[in-house]
């Protein structure tokens, strides 16, 4: 009941929109990185579970594969 009253206020709606934006940004970054590194299990988990950015941040900071360094072409 108290949550419904809070979300009915302007402040509640702003807080909800900020949380949704936060989740969308981090989820997008983590999904993109997991797809680029062919980590299907991480991609599916991040896509399914909504954790207010906790799972995507953990993936980006600790579990993603290190990027492949491109070798420079010999001249």
PDB file of N, CA and C in Angstrom:
ATOM      1  N   UNK A   1       0.818  -1.189   0.000  1.00  0.00           N
ATOM      2  CA  UNK A   1       0.000   0.000   0.000  1.00  0.00           C
ATOM      3  C   UNK A   1       0.870   1.264   0.000  1.00  0.00           C
ATOM      4  N   UNK A   2       1.923   1.266   0.794  1.00  0.00           N
ATOM      5  CA  UNK A   2       2.784   2.434   0.857  1.00  0.00           C
ATOM      6  C   UNK A   2       3.545   2.619  -0.457  1.00  0.00           C
ATOM      7  N   UNK A   3       3.908   1.516  -1.111  1.00  0.00           N
ATOM      8  CA  UNK A   3       4.598   1.600  -2.388  1.00  0.00           C
ATOM      9  C   UNK A   3       3.703   2.204  -3.457  1.00  0.00           C
ATOM     10  N   UNK A   4       2.444   1.813  -3.474  1.00  0.00           N
ATOM     11  CA  UNK A   4       1.494   2.379  -4.435  1.00  0.00           C
ATOM     12  C   UNK A   4       1.325   3.878  -4.227  1.00  0.00           C
ATOM     13  N   UNK A   5       1.282   4.301  -2.983  1.00  0.00           N
ATOM     14  CA  UNK A   5       1.144   5.723  -2.680  1.00  0.00           C
ATOM     15  C   UNK A   5       2.394   6.482  -3.103  1.00  0.00           C
ATOM     16  N   UNK A   6       3.563   5.875  -2.896  1.00  0.00           N
ATOM     17  CA  UNK A   6       4.811   6.536  -3.293  1.00  0.00           C
ATOM     18  C   UNK A   6       4.904   6.678  -4.808  1.00  0.00           C
ATOM     19  N   UNK A   7       4.543   5.621  -5.531  1.00  0.00           N
ATOM     20  CA  UNK A   7       4.620   5.661  -6.989  1.00  0.00           C
ATOM     21  C   UNK A   7       3.571   6.579  -7.597  1.00  0.00           C
ATOM     22  N   UNK A   8       2.539   6.888  -6.854  1.00  0.00           N
ATOM     23  CA  UNK A   8       1.508   7.801  -7.348  1.00  0.00           C
ATOM     24  C   UNK A   8       1.975   9.246  -7.310  1.00  0.00           C
ATOM     25  N   UNK A   9       3.038   9.527  -6.586  1.00  0.00           N
ATOM     26  CA  UNK A   9       3.552  10.891  -6.500  1.00  0.00           C
ATOM     27  C   UNK A   9       4.522  11.160  -7.650  1.00  0.00           C
ATOM     28  N   UNK A  10       4.784  12.423  -7.896  1.00  0.00           N
ATOM     29  CA  UNK A  10       5.724  12.808  -8.944  1.00  0.00           C
ATOM     30  C   UNK A  10       7.129  12.322  -8.605  1.00  0.00           C
ATOM     31  N   UNK A  11       7.518  12.440  -7.359  1.00  0.00           N
ATOM     32  CA  UNK A  11       8.841  11.975  -6.931  1.00  0.00           C
ATOM     33  C   UNK A  11       8.980  10.475  -7.164  1.00  0.00           C
ATOM     34  N   UNK A  12       7.954   9.734  -6.855  1.00  0.00           N
ATOM     35  CA  UNK A  12       7.973   8.287  -7.055  1.00  0.00           C
ATOM     36  C   UNK A  12       8.143   7.914  -8.518  1.00  0.00           C
ATOM     37  N   UNK A  13       7.472   8.629  -9.384  1.00  0.00           N
ATOM     38  CA  UNK A  13       7.586   8.357 -10.820  1.00  0.00           C
ATOM     39  C   UNK A  13       8.981   8.701 -11.327  1.00  0.00           C
ATOM     40  N   UNK A  14       9.562   9.788 -10.836  1.00  0.00           N
ATOM     41  CA  UNK A  14      10.915  10.166 -11.246  1.00  0.00           C
ATOM     42  C   UNK A  14      11.922   9.115 -10.789  1.00  0.00           C
ATOM     43  N   UNK A  15      11.782   8.648  -9.563  1.00  0.00           N
ATOM     44  CA  UNK A  15      12.674   7.615  -9.041  1.00  0.00           C
ATOM     45  C   UNK A  15      12.544   6.342  -9.880  1.00  0.00           C
ATOM     46  N   UNK A  16      11.334   5.950 -10.205  1.00  0.00           N
ATOM     47  CA  UNK A  16      11.103   4.767 -11.023  1.00  0.00           C
ATOM     48  C   UNK A  16      11.734   4.922 -12.405  1.00  0.00           C
ATOM     49  N   UNK A  17      11.591   6.070 -13.025  1.00  0.00           N
ATOM     50  CA  UNK A  17      12.180   6.311 -14.340  1.00  0.00           C
ATOM     51  C   UNK A  17      13.705   6.305 -14.284  1.00  0.00           C
ATOM     52  N   UNK A  18      14.286   6.842 -13.214  1.00  0.00           N
ATOM     53  CA  UNK A  18      15.738   6.809 -13.056  1.00  0.00           C
ATOM     54  C   UNK A  18      16.254   5.375 -12.892  1.00  0.00           C
ATOM     55  N   UNK A  19      15.546   4.572 -12.128  1.00  0.00           N
ATOM     56  CA  UNK A  19      15.922   3.165 -11.960  1.00  0.00           C
ATOM     57  C   UNK A  19      15.819   2.429 -13.284  1.00  0.00           C
ATOM     58  N   UNK A  20      14.772   2.676 -14.050  1.00  0.00           N
ATOM     59  CA  UNK A  20      14.617   2.030 -15.347  1.00  0.00           C
ATOM     60  C   UNK A  20      15.717   2.452 -16.317  1.00  0.00           C
ATOM     61  N   UNK A  21      16.075   3.718 -16.316  1.00  0.00           N
ATOM     62  CA  UNK A  21      17.154   4.196 -17.189  1.00  0.00           C
ATOM     63  C   UNK A  21      18.483   3.565 -16.784  1.00  0.00           C
ATOM     64  N   UNK A  22      18.758   3.505 -15.486  1.00  0.00           N
ATOM     65  CA  UNK A  22      19.983   2.894 -14.964  1.00  0.00           C
ATOM     66  C   UNK A  22      20.084   1.439 -15.432  1.00  0.00           C
ATOM     67  N   UNK A  23      19.001   0.690 -15.276  1.00  0.00           N
ATOM     68  CA  UNK A  23      18.971  -0.718 -15.676  1.00  0.00           C
ATOM     69  C   UNK A  23      19.165  -0.853 -17.184  1.00  0.00           C
ATOM     70  N   UNK A  24      18.525  -0.024 -17.961  1.00  0.00           N
ATOM     71  CA  UNK A  24      18.614  -0.097 -19.414  1.00  0.00           C
ATOM     72  C   UNK A  24      20.035   0.158 -19.910  1.00  0.00           C
ATOM     73  N   UNK A  25      20.692   1.155 -19.366  1.00  0.00           N
ATOM     74  CA  UNK A  25      22.063   1.483 -19.784  1.00  0.00           C
ATOM     75  C   UNK A  25      23.016   0.335 -19.469  1.00  0.00           C
ATOM     76  N   UNK A  26      23.014  -0.135 -18.234  1.00  0.00           N
ATOM     77  CA  UNK A  26      23.939  -1.196 -17.848  1.00  0.00           C
ATOM     78  C   UNK A  26      23.617  -2.502 -18.560  1.00  0.00           C
ATOM     79  N   UNK A  27      22.333  -2.810 -18.724  1.00  0.00           N
ATOM     80  CA  UNK A  27      21.948  -4.035 -19.410  1.00  0.00           C
ATOM     81  C   UNK A  27      22.400  -3.978 -20.865  1.00  0.00           C
ATOM     82  N   UNK A  28      22.238  -2.832 -21.503  1.00  0.00           N
ATOM     83  CA  UNK A  28      22.666  -2.681 -22.894  1.00  0.00           C
ATOM     84  C   UNK A  28      24.161  -2.878 -23.058  1.00  0.00           C
ATOM     85  N   UNK A  29      24.948  -2.284 -22.175  1.00  0.00           N
ATOM     86  CA  UNK A  29      26.411  -2.426 -22.240  1.00  0.00           C
ATOM     87  C   UNK A  29      26.812  -3.891 -22.039  1.00  0.00           C
ATOM     88  N   UNK A  30      26.253  -4.532 -21.023  1.00  0.00           N
ATOM     89  CA  UNK A  30      26.612  -5.917 -20.720  1.00  0.00           C
ATOM     90  C   UNK A  30      26.158  -6.871 -21.818  1.00  0.00           C
ATOM     91  N   UNK A  31      24.969  -6.649 -22.370  1.00  0.00           N
ATOM     92  CA  UNK A  31      24.505  -7.509 -23.461  1.00  0.00           C
ATOM     93  C   UNK A  31      25.397  -7.363 -24.686  1.00  0.00           C
ATOM     94  N   UNK A  32      25.778  -6.150 -24.997  1.00  0.00           N
ATOM     95  CA  UNK A  32      26.640  -5.914 -26.147  1.00  0.00           C
ATOM     96  C   UNK A  32      27.995  -6.599 -25.956  1.00  0.00           C
ATOM     97  N   UNK A  33      28.594  -6.439 -24.779  1.00  0.00           N
ATOM     98  CA  UNK A  33      29.901  -7.032 -24.521  1.00  0.00           C
ATOM     99  C   UNK A  33      29.836  -8.560 -24.500  1.00  0.00           C
ATOM    100  N   UNK A  34      28.801  -9.126 -23.895  1.00  0.00           N
ATOM    101  CA  UNK A  34      28.697 -10.589 -23.852  1.00  0.00           C
ATOM    102  C   UNK A  34      28.448 -11.162 -25.244  1.00  0.00           C
ATOM    103  N   UNK A  35      27.717 -10.449 -26.079  1.00  0.00           N
ATOM    104  CA  UNK A  35      27.504 -10.914 -27.451  1.00  0.00           C
ATOM    105  C   UNK A  35      28.802 -10.829 -28.254  1.00  0.00           C
ATOM    106  N   UNK A  36      29.556  -9.777 -28.068  1.00  0.00           N
ATOM    107  CA  UNK A  36      30.826  -9.609 -28.795  1.00  0.00           C
ATOM    108  C   UNK A  36      31.846 -10.673 -28.408  1.00  0.00           C
ATOM    109  N   UNK A  37      31.776 -11.162 -27.154  1.00  0.00           N
ATOM    110  CA  UNK A  37      32.716 -12.177 -26.678  1.00  0.00           C
ATOM    111  C   UNK A  37      32.130 -13.583 -26.769  1.00  0.00           C
ATOM    112  N   UNK A  38      30.981 -13.733 -27.425  1.00  0.00           N
ATOM    113  CA  UNK A  38      30.318 -15.035 -27.625  1.00  0.00           C
ATOM    114  C   UNK A  38      30.086 -15.777 -26.309  1.00  0.00           C
ATOM    115  N   UNK A  39      29.634 -15.059 -25.287  1.00  0.00           N
ATOM    116  CA  UNK A  39      29.315 -15.668 -23.999  1.00  0.00           C
ATOM    117  C   UNK A  39      27.793 -15.773 -23.879  1.00  0.00           C
ATOM    118  N   UNK A  40      27.256 -16.836 -24.476  1.00  0.00           N
ATOM    119  CA  UNK A  40      25.812 -17.002 -24.577  1.00  0.00           C
ATOM    120  C   UNK A  40      25.141 -17.135 -23.208  1.00  0.00           C
ATOM    121  N   UNK A  41      25.761 -17.841 -22.273  1.00  0.00           N
ATOM    122  CA  UNK A  41      25.146 -18.024 -20.949  1.00  0.00           C
ATOM    123  C   UNK A  41      24.980 -16.675 -20.248  1.00  0.00           C
ATOM    124  N   UNK A  42      26.012 -15.838 -20.295  1.00  0.00           N
ATOM    125  CA  UNK A  42      25.915 -14.513 -19.683  1.00  0.00           C
ATOM    126  C   UNK A  42      24.852 -13.679 -20.397  1.00  0.00           C
ATOM    127  N   UNK A  43      24.810 -13.757 -21.717  1.00  0.00           N
ATOM    128  CA  UNK A  43      23.840 -12.991 -22.487  1.00  0.00           C
ATOM    129  C   UNK A  43      22.417 -13.333 -22.050  1.00  0.00           C
ATOM    130  N   UNK A  44      22.124 -14.617 -21.944  1.00  0.00           N
ATOM    131  CA  UNK A  44      20.772 -15.056 -21.567  1.00  0.00           C
ATOM    132  C   UNK A  44      20.444 -14.641 -20.137  1.00  0.00           C
ATOM    133  N   UNK A  45      21.380 -14.820 -19.211  1.00  0.00           N
ATOM    134  CA  UNK A  45      21.134 -14.448 -17.810  1.00  0.00           C
ATOM    135  C   UNK A  45      20.884 -12.950 -17.666  1.00  0.00           C
ATOM    136  N   UNK A  46      21.692 -12.149 -18.335  1.00  0.00           N
ATOM    137  CA  UNK A  46      21.518 -10.701 -18.244  1.00  0.00           C
ATOM    138  C   UNK A  46      20.208 -10.276 -18.882  1.00  0.00           C
ATOM    139  N   UNK A  47      19.838 -10.945 -19.967  1.00  0.00           N
ATOM    140  CA  UNK A  47      18.596 -10.616 -20.659  1.00  0.00           C
ATOM    141  C   UNK A  47      17.367 -10.953 -19.814  1.00  0.00           C
ATOM    142  N   UNK A  48      17.401 -12.070 -19.117  1.00  0.00           N
ATOM    143  CA  UNK A  48      16.220 -12.548 -18.380  1.00  0.00           C
ATOM    144  C   UNK A  48      16.055 -11.865 -17.021  1.00  0.00           C
ATOM    145  N   UNK A  49      17.148 -11.764 -16.246  1.00  0.00           N
ATOM    146  CA  UNK A  49      17.037 -11.293 -14.878  1.00  0.00           C
ATOM    147  C   UNK A  49      17.161  -9.776 -14.778  1.00  0.00           C
ATOM    148  N   UNK A  50      16.210  -9.145 -14.099  1.00  0.00           N
ATOM    149  CA  UNK A  50      16.237  -7.711 -13.835  1.00  0.00           C
ATOM    150  C   UNK A  50      16.723  -7.501 -12.409  1.00  0.00           C
ATOM    151  N   UNK A  51      17.961  -7.012 -12.280  1.00  0.00           N
ATOM    152  CA  UNK A  51      18.567  -6.875 -10.956  1.00  0.00           C
ATOM    153  C   UNK A  51      18.983  -5.432 -10.670  1.00  0.00           C
ATOM    154  N   UNK A  52      18.320  -4.479 -11.290  1.00  0.00           N
ATOM    155  CA  UNK A  52      18.603  -3.050 -11.123  1.00  0.00           C
ATOM    156  C   UNK A  52      20.080  -2.752 -11.423  1.00  0.00           C
ATOM    157  N   UNK A  53      20.629  -3.454 -12.391  1.00  0.00           N
ATOM    158  CA  UNK A  53      21.980  -3.178 -12.837  1.00  0.00           C
ATOM    159  C   UNK A  53      23.071  -3.947 -12.127  1.00  0.00           C
ATOM    160  N   UNK A  54      22.751  -4.718 -11.097  1.00  0.00           N
ATOM    161  CA  UNK A  54      23.783  -5.408 -10.324  1.00  0.00           C
ATOM    162  C   UNK A  54      24.459  -6.496 -11.154  1.00  0.00           C
ATOM    163  N   UNK A  55      23.696  -7.359 -11.803  1.00  0.00           N
ATOM    164  CA  UNK A  55      24.268  -8.429 -12.613  1.00  0.00           C
ATOM    165  C   UNK A  55      25.048  -7.879 -13.812  1.00  0.00           C
ATOM    166  N   UNK A  56      24.505  -6.911 -14.569  1.00  0.00           N
ATOM    167  CA  UNK A  56      25.302  -6.359 -15.672  1.00  0.00           C
ATOM    168  C   UNK A  56      26.595  -5.677 -15.221  1.00  0.00           C
ATOM    169  N   UNK A  57      26.553  -4.959 -14.109  1.00  0.00           N
ATOM    170  CA  UNK A  57      27.767  -4.300 -13.608  1.00  0.00           C
ATOM    171  C   UNK A  57      28.791  -5.353 -13.185  1.00  0.00           C
ATOM    172  N   UNK A  58      28.346  -6.395 -12.507  1.00  0.00           N
ATOM    173  CA  UNK A  58      29.263  -7.462 -12.103  1.00  0.00           C
ATOM    174  C   UNK A  58      29.900  -8.115 -13.319  1.00  0.00           C
ATOM    175  N   UNK A  59      29.110  -8.342 -14.366  1.00  0.00           N
ATOM    176  CA  UNK A  59      29.662  -8.931 -15.583  1.00  0.00           C
ATOM    177  C   UNK A  59      30.710  -8.016 -16.207  1.00  0.00           C
ATOM    178  N   UNK A  60      30.368  -6.751 -16.376  1.00  0.00           N
ATOM    179  CA  UNK A  60      31.284  -5.814 -17.032  1.00  0.00           C
ATOM    180  C   UNK A  60      32.573  -5.656 -16.234  1.00  0.00           C
ATOM    181  N   UNK A  61      32.489  -5.589 -14.931  1.00  0.00           N
ATOM    182  CA  UNK A  61      33.675  -5.348 -14.108  1.00  0.00           C
ATOM    183  C   UNK A  61      34.518  -6.593 -13.838  1.00  0.00           C
ATOM    184  N   UNK A  62      33.885  -7.771 -13.726  1.00  0.00           N
ATOM    185  CA  UNK A  62      34.624  -8.931 -13.252  1.00  0.00           C
ATOM    186  C   UNK A  62      34.640 -10.150 -14.167  1.00  0.00           C
ATOM    187  N   UNK A  63      33.645 -10.361 -14.995  1.00  0.00           N
ATOM    188  CA  UNK A  63      33.499 -11.642 -15.678  1.00  0.00           C
ATOM    189  C   UNK A  63      33.646 -11.609 -17.191  1.00  0.00           C
ATOM    190  N   UNK A  64      33.758 -10.459 -17.797  1.00  0.00           N
ATOM    191  CA  UNK A  64      33.886 -10.451 -19.247  1.00  0.00           C
ATOM    192  C   UNK A  64      35.282 -10.903 -19.651  1.00  0.00           C
ATOM    193  N   UNK A  65      35.370 -11.472 -20.836  1.00  0.00           N
ATOM    194  CA  UNK A  65      36.672 -11.870 -21.351  1.00  0.00           C
ATOM    195  C   UNK A  65      37.467 -10.614 -21.670  1.00  0.00           C
ATOM    196  N   UNK A  66      38.757 -10.718 -21.547  1.00  0.00           N
ATOM    197  CA  UNK A  66      39.585  -9.567 -21.900  1.00  0.00           C
ATOM    198  C   UNK A  66      39.530  -9.371 -23.405  1.00  0.00           C
ATOM    199  N   UNK A  67      39.484  -8.127 -23.852  1.00  0.00           N
ATOM    200  CA  UNK A  67      39.366  -7.883 -25.285  1.00  0.00           C
ATOM    201  C   UNK A  67      40.609  -8.363 -26.042  1.00  0.00           C
ATOM    202  N   UNK A  68      40.374  -8.811 -27.244  1.00  0.00           N
ATOM    203  CA  UNK A  68      41.466  -9.268 -28.095  1.00  0.00           C
ATOM    204  C   UNK A  68      42.171  -8.044 -28.657  1.00  0.00           C
ATOM    205  N   UNK A  69      43.479  -7.981 -28.464  1.00  0.00           N
ATOM    206  CA  UNK A  69      44.259  -6.858 -28.972  1.00  0.00           C
ATOM    207  C   UNK A  69      44.602  -7.139 -30.426  1.00  0.00           C
ATOM    208  N   UNK A  70      44.254  -6.216 -31.290  1.00  0.00           N
ATOM    209  CA  UNK A  70      44.539  -6.380 -32.707  1.00  0.00           C
ATOM    210  C   UNK A  70      46.020  -6.119 -32.956  1.00  0.00           C
ATOM    211  N   UNK A  71      46.601  -6.974 -33.747  1.00  0.00           N
ATOM    212  CA  UNK A  71      48.014  -6.810 -34.092  1.00  0.00           C
ATOM    213  C   UNK A  71      48.135  -5.780 -35.207  1.00  0.00           C
ATOM    214  N   UNK A  72      49.161  -4.992 -35.132  1.00  0.00           N
ATOM    215  CA  UNK A  72      49.382  -4.016 -36.196  1.00  0.00           C
ATOM    216  C   UNK A  72      49.951  -4.722 -37.414  1.00  0.00           C
ATOM    217  N   UNK A  73      49.577  -4.250 -38.562  1.00  0.00           N
ATOM    218  CA  UNK A  73      50.039  -4.839 -39.811  1.00  0.00           C
ATOM    219  C   UNK A  73      51.491  -4.451 -40.053  1.00  0.00           C
ATOM    220  N   UNK A  74      52.252  -5.431 -40.539  1.00  0.00           N
ATOM    221  CA  UNK A  74      53.651  -5.160 -40.863  1.00  0.00           C
ATOM    222  C   UNK A  74      53.713  -4.464 -42.230  1.00  0.00           C
ATOM    223  N   UNK A  75      54.594  -3.496 -42.327  1.00  0.00           N
ATOM    224  CA  UNK A  75      54.733  -2.781 -43.595  1.00  0.00           C
ATOM    225  C   UNK A  75      55.913  -3.291 -44.373  1.00  0.00           C
TER     226      UNK A  75
END
